[in-house]
């Protein structure tokens, strides 16, 4: 139900895949694998396309995060 609500909120957003994945992660702390088929169907994308976006962005998680998350900036 929570994923369906997120999808409904982004129904009219062009290029909604990334915003939907980000919203799902905010809701659950990660993007559950069970949500991918629903997201793909709602956005009329293949599951491979959605998985490609999910795996491309390092800030998106496919598993629940650990208790402590350490991030290190590797910029200049």
N, C-alpha and C. Protein backbone atom coordinates (compact mmCIF):
# COMPACT_ATOMS: atom_id res chain seq x y z
N UNK A 1 0.81 -1.20 0.00
CA UNK A 1 0.00 0.00 0.00
C UNK A 1 0.86 1.26 0.00
N UNK A 2 1.97 1.23 0.74
CA UNK A 2 2.82 2.42 0.80
C UNK A 2 3.48 2.69 -0.54
N UNK A 3 3.88 1.64 -1.24
CA UNK A 3 4.49 1.82 -2.56
C UNK A 3 3.44 2.35 -3.54
N UNK A 4 2.23 1.83 -3.46
CA UNK A 4 1.16 2.30 -4.34
C UNK A 4 0.87 3.79 -4.11
N UNK A 5 0.90 4.21 -2.86
CA UNK A 5 0.68 5.62 -2.55
C UNK A 5 1.79 6.48 -3.15
N UNK A 6 3.02 6.02 -3.03
CA UNK A 6 4.15 6.76 -3.61
C UNK A 6 4.00 6.85 -5.12
N UNK A 7 3.62 5.75 -5.74
CA UNK A 7 3.43 5.75 -7.19
C UNK A 7 2.31 6.71 -7.59
N UNK A 8 1.25 6.74 -6.81
CA UNK A 8 0.14 7.67 -7.11
C UNK A 8 0.59 9.11 -6.98
N UNK A 9 1.45 9.39 -6.00
CA UNK A 9 1.95 10.76 -5.81
C UNK A 9 2.83 11.21 -6.97
N UNK A 10 3.45 10.27 -7.68
CA UNK A 10 4.36 10.60 -8.78
C UNK A 10 3.76 10.27 -10.15
N UNK A 11 2.47 10.06 -10.19
CA UNK A 11 1.80 9.62 -11.41
C UNK A 11 2.05 10.55 -12.60
N UNK A 12 2.06 11.85 -12.37
CA UNK A 12 2.18 12.80 -13.47
C UNK A 12 3.58 13.39 -13.61
N UNK A 13 4.54 12.82 -12.93
CA UNK A 13 5.92 13.33 -12.99
C UNK A 13 6.64 12.66 -14.15
N UNK A 14 7.18 13.48 -15.04
CA UNK A 14 7.94 12.93 -16.16
C UNK A 14 9.31 12.46 -15.64
N UNK A 15 9.74 11.30 -16.10
CA UNK A 15 11.02 10.75 -15.64
C UNK A 15 10.97 10.42 -14.16
N UNK A 16 9.89 9.78 -13.73
CA UNK A 16 9.62 9.57 -12.31
C UNK A 16 10.40 8.43 -11.68
N UNK A 17 11.16 7.67 -12.43
CA UNK A 17 11.80 6.49 -11.87
C UNK A 17 12.70 6.84 -10.68
N UNK A 18 13.61 7.75 -10.85
CA UNK A 18 14.51 8.11 -9.76
C UNK A 18 13.75 8.73 -8.58
N UNK A 19 12.85 9.70 -8.80
CA UNK A 19 12.11 10.23 -7.66
C UNK A 19 11.28 9.17 -6.92
N UNK A 20 10.73 8.21 -7.64
CA UNK A 20 9.97 7.13 -7.01
C UNK A 20 10.90 6.27 -6.17
N UNK A 21 12.04 5.89 -6.71
CA UNK A 21 12.98 5.07 -5.95
C UNK A 21 13.46 5.80 -4.70
N UNK A 22 13.70 7.09 -4.81
CA UNK A 22 14.13 7.88 -3.65
C UNK A 22 13.03 7.94 -2.60
N UNK A 23 11.79 8.10 -3.04
CA UNK A 23 10.67 8.16 -2.10
C UNK A 23 10.46 6.81 -1.41
N UNK A 24 10.60 5.73 -2.16
CA UNK A 24 10.47 4.39 -1.57
C UNK A 24 11.57 4.20 -0.53
N UNK A 25 12.77 4.63 -0.84
CA UNK A 25 13.87 4.48 0.12
C UNK A 25 13.62 5.33 1.37
N UNK A 26 13.08 6.52 1.21
CA UNK A 26 12.76 7.34 2.38
C UNK A 26 11.71 6.64 3.25
N UNK A 27 10.78 5.98 2.61
CA UNK A 27 9.70 5.30 3.33
C UNK A 27 10.18 4.06 4.08
N UNK A 28 11.02 3.24 3.43
CA UNK A 28 11.43 1.96 4.00
C UNK A 28 12.86 1.94 4.52
N UNK A 29 13.67 2.92 4.14
CA UNK A 29 15.09 2.89 4.49
C UNK A 29 15.93 2.22 3.41
N UNK A 30 15.28 1.57 2.47
CA UNK A 30 15.91 0.92 1.32
C UNK A 30 14.82 0.65 0.29
N UNK A 31 15.19 0.14 -0.87
CA UNK A 31 14.22 -0.19 -1.92
C UNK A 31 14.05 -1.71 -1.93
N UNK A 32 12.93 -2.21 -1.40
CA UNK A 32 12.73 -3.66 -1.38
C UNK A 32 12.60 -4.24 -2.79
N UNK A 33 13.17 -5.41 -2.99
CA UNK A 33 13.08 -6.06 -4.30
C UNK A 33 11.65 -6.31 -4.74
N UNK A 34 10.76 -6.54 -3.79
CA UNK A 34 9.36 -6.79 -4.12
C UNK A 34 8.67 -5.56 -4.72
N UNK A 35 9.25 -4.39 -4.50
CA UNK A 35 8.66 -3.16 -5.04
C UNK A 35 9.00 -2.95 -6.51
N UNK A 36 10.07 -3.57 -7.00
CA UNK A 36 10.52 -3.34 -8.38
C UNK A 36 9.46 -3.67 -9.42
N UNK A 37 8.78 -4.83 -9.36
CA UNK A 37 7.76 -5.11 -10.37
C UNK A 37 6.62 -4.09 -10.36
N UNK A 38 6.21 -3.63 -9.18
CA UNK A 38 5.15 -2.63 -9.10
C UNK A 38 5.59 -1.31 -9.70
N UNK A 39 6.81 -0.91 -9.39
CA UNK A 39 7.34 0.35 -9.91
C UNK A 39 7.46 0.28 -11.43
N UNK A 40 8.01 -0.82 -11.92
CA UNK A 40 8.19 -0.98 -13.37
C UNK A 40 6.84 -0.95 -14.09
N UNK A 41 5.86 -1.66 -13.57
CA UNK A 41 4.55 -1.69 -14.22
C UNK A 41 3.89 -0.32 -14.21
N UNK A 42 3.98 0.38 -13.08
CA UNK A 42 3.34 1.69 -12.97
C UNK A 42 3.99 2.72 -13.89
N UNK A 43 5.30 2.61 -14.08
CA UNK A 43 6.02 3.59 -14.91
C UNK A 43 6.17 3.13 -16.35
N UNK A 44 5.61 1.95 -16.64
CA UNK A 44 5.69 1.36 -17.99
C UNK A 44 7.15 1.20 -18.43
N UNK A 45 7.94 0.67 -17.51
CA UNK A 45 9.34 0.36 -17.78
C UNK A 45 9.56 -1.12 -17.54
N UNK A 46 10.66 -1.64 -18.05
CA UNK A 46 10.99 -3.02 -17.73
C UNK A 46 11.61 -3.06 -16.34
N UNK A 47 11.55 -4.22 -15.71
CA UNK A 47 12.19 -4.36 -14.41
C UNK A 47 13.69 -4.14 -14.52
N UNK A 48 14.26 -4.51 -15.67
CA UNK A 48 15.69 -4.29 -15.89
C UNK A 48 16.02 -2.80 -15.90
N UNK A 49 15.14 -1.99 -16.48
CA UNK A 49 15.37 -0.54 -16.50
C UNK A 49 15.35 0.02 -15.08
N UNK A 50 14.37 -0.40 -14.29
CA UNK A 50 14.27 0.09 -12.91
C UNK A 50 15.47 -0.39 -12.10
N UNK A 51 15.84 -1.64 -12.27
CA UNK A 51 17.00 -2.18 -11.57
C UNK A 51 18.27 -1.43 -11.99
N UNK A 52 18.37 -1.06 -13.26
CA UNK A 52 19.52 -0.31 -13.74
C UNK A 52 19.67 1.03 -13.05
N UNK A 53 18.56 1.73 -12.85
CA UNK A 53 18.59 3.01 -12.14
C UNK A 53 18.96 2.77 -10.69
N UNK A 54 18.35 1.75 -10.09
CA UNK A 54 18.61 1.43 -8.69
C UNK A 54 20.08 1.09 -8.45
N UNK A 55 20.66 0.33 -9.34
CA UNK A 55 22.05 -0.09 -9.14
C UNK A 55 23.06 0.99 -9.56
N UNK A 56 22.64 1.95 -10.38
CA UNK A 56 23.55 2.99 -10.84
C UNK A 56 23.88 3.99 -9.73
N UNK A 57 22.87 4.37 -8.95
CA UNK A 57 23.07 5.40 -7.94
C UNK A 57 23.50 4.78 -6.61
N UNK A 58 24.67 5.18 -6.14
CA UNK A 58 25.24 4.60 -4.91
C UNK A 58 24.41 4.90 -3.68
N UNK A 59 23.68 5.99 -3.67
CA UNK A 59 22.90 6.36 -2.49
C UNK A 59 21.62 5.54 -2.34
N UNK A 60 21.25 4.82 -3.37
CA UNK A 60 20.07 3.95 -3.28
C UNK A 60 20.50 2.58 -2.79
N UNK A 61 19.78 2.07 -1.80
CA UNK A 61 20.13 0.79 -1.19
C UNK A 61 19.10 -0.27 -1.55
N UNK A 62 19.57 -1.49 -1.77
CA UNK A 62 18.69 -2.63 -2.05
C UNK A 62 18.48 -3.50 -0.82
N UNK A 63 19.17 -3.18 0.25
CA UNK A 63 19.06 -3.92 1.50
C UNK A 63 18.93 -2.90 2.63
N UNK A 64 18.34 -3.32 3.74
CA UNK A 64 18.25 -2.38 4.87
C UNK A 64 19.65 -1.93 5.28
N UNK A 65 19.77 -0.65 5.64
CA UNK A 65 21.09 -0.15 6.04
C UNK A 65 21.52 -0.73 7.38
N UNK A 66 22.81 -0.72 7.60
CA UNK A 66 23.36 -1.13 8.90
C UNK A 66 22.97 -0.08 9.95
N UNK A 67 23.22 -0.40 11.16
CA UNK A 67 22.87 0.54 12.24
C UNK A 67 23.60 1.87 12.07
N UNK A 68 24.85 1.82 11.67
CA UNK A 68 25.65 3.03 11.44
C UNK A 68 26.12 3.02 10.00
N UNK A 69 25.97 4.14 9.33
CA UNK A 69 26.41 4.26 7.94
C UNK A 69 27.50 5.32 7.89
N UNK A 70 28.65 4.96 7.37
CA UNK A 70 29.76 5.89 7.24
C UNK A 70 29.93 6.22 5.77
N UNK A 71 29.94 7.50 5.46
CA UNK A 71 30.16 7.94 4.09
C UNK A 71 31.42 8.81 4.05
N UNK A 72 32.25 8.58 3.07
CA UNK A 72 33.50 9.32 2.94
C UNK A 72 33.48 10.02 1.59
N UNK A 73 33.72 11.32 1.61
CA UNK A 73 33.80 12.10 0.38
C UNK A 73 35.16 11.82 -0.26
N UNK A 74 35.14 11.43 -1.51
CA UNK A 74 36.39 11.17 -2.22
C UNK A 74 36.69 12.25 -3.24
N UNK A 75 36.09 13.41 -3.04
CA UNK A 75 36.35 14.55 -3.92
C UNK A 75 37.73 15.11 -3.66
N UNK A 76 38.04 16.16 -4.32
CA UNK A 76 39.37 16.76 -4.21
C UNK A 76 39.81 17.03 -2.85
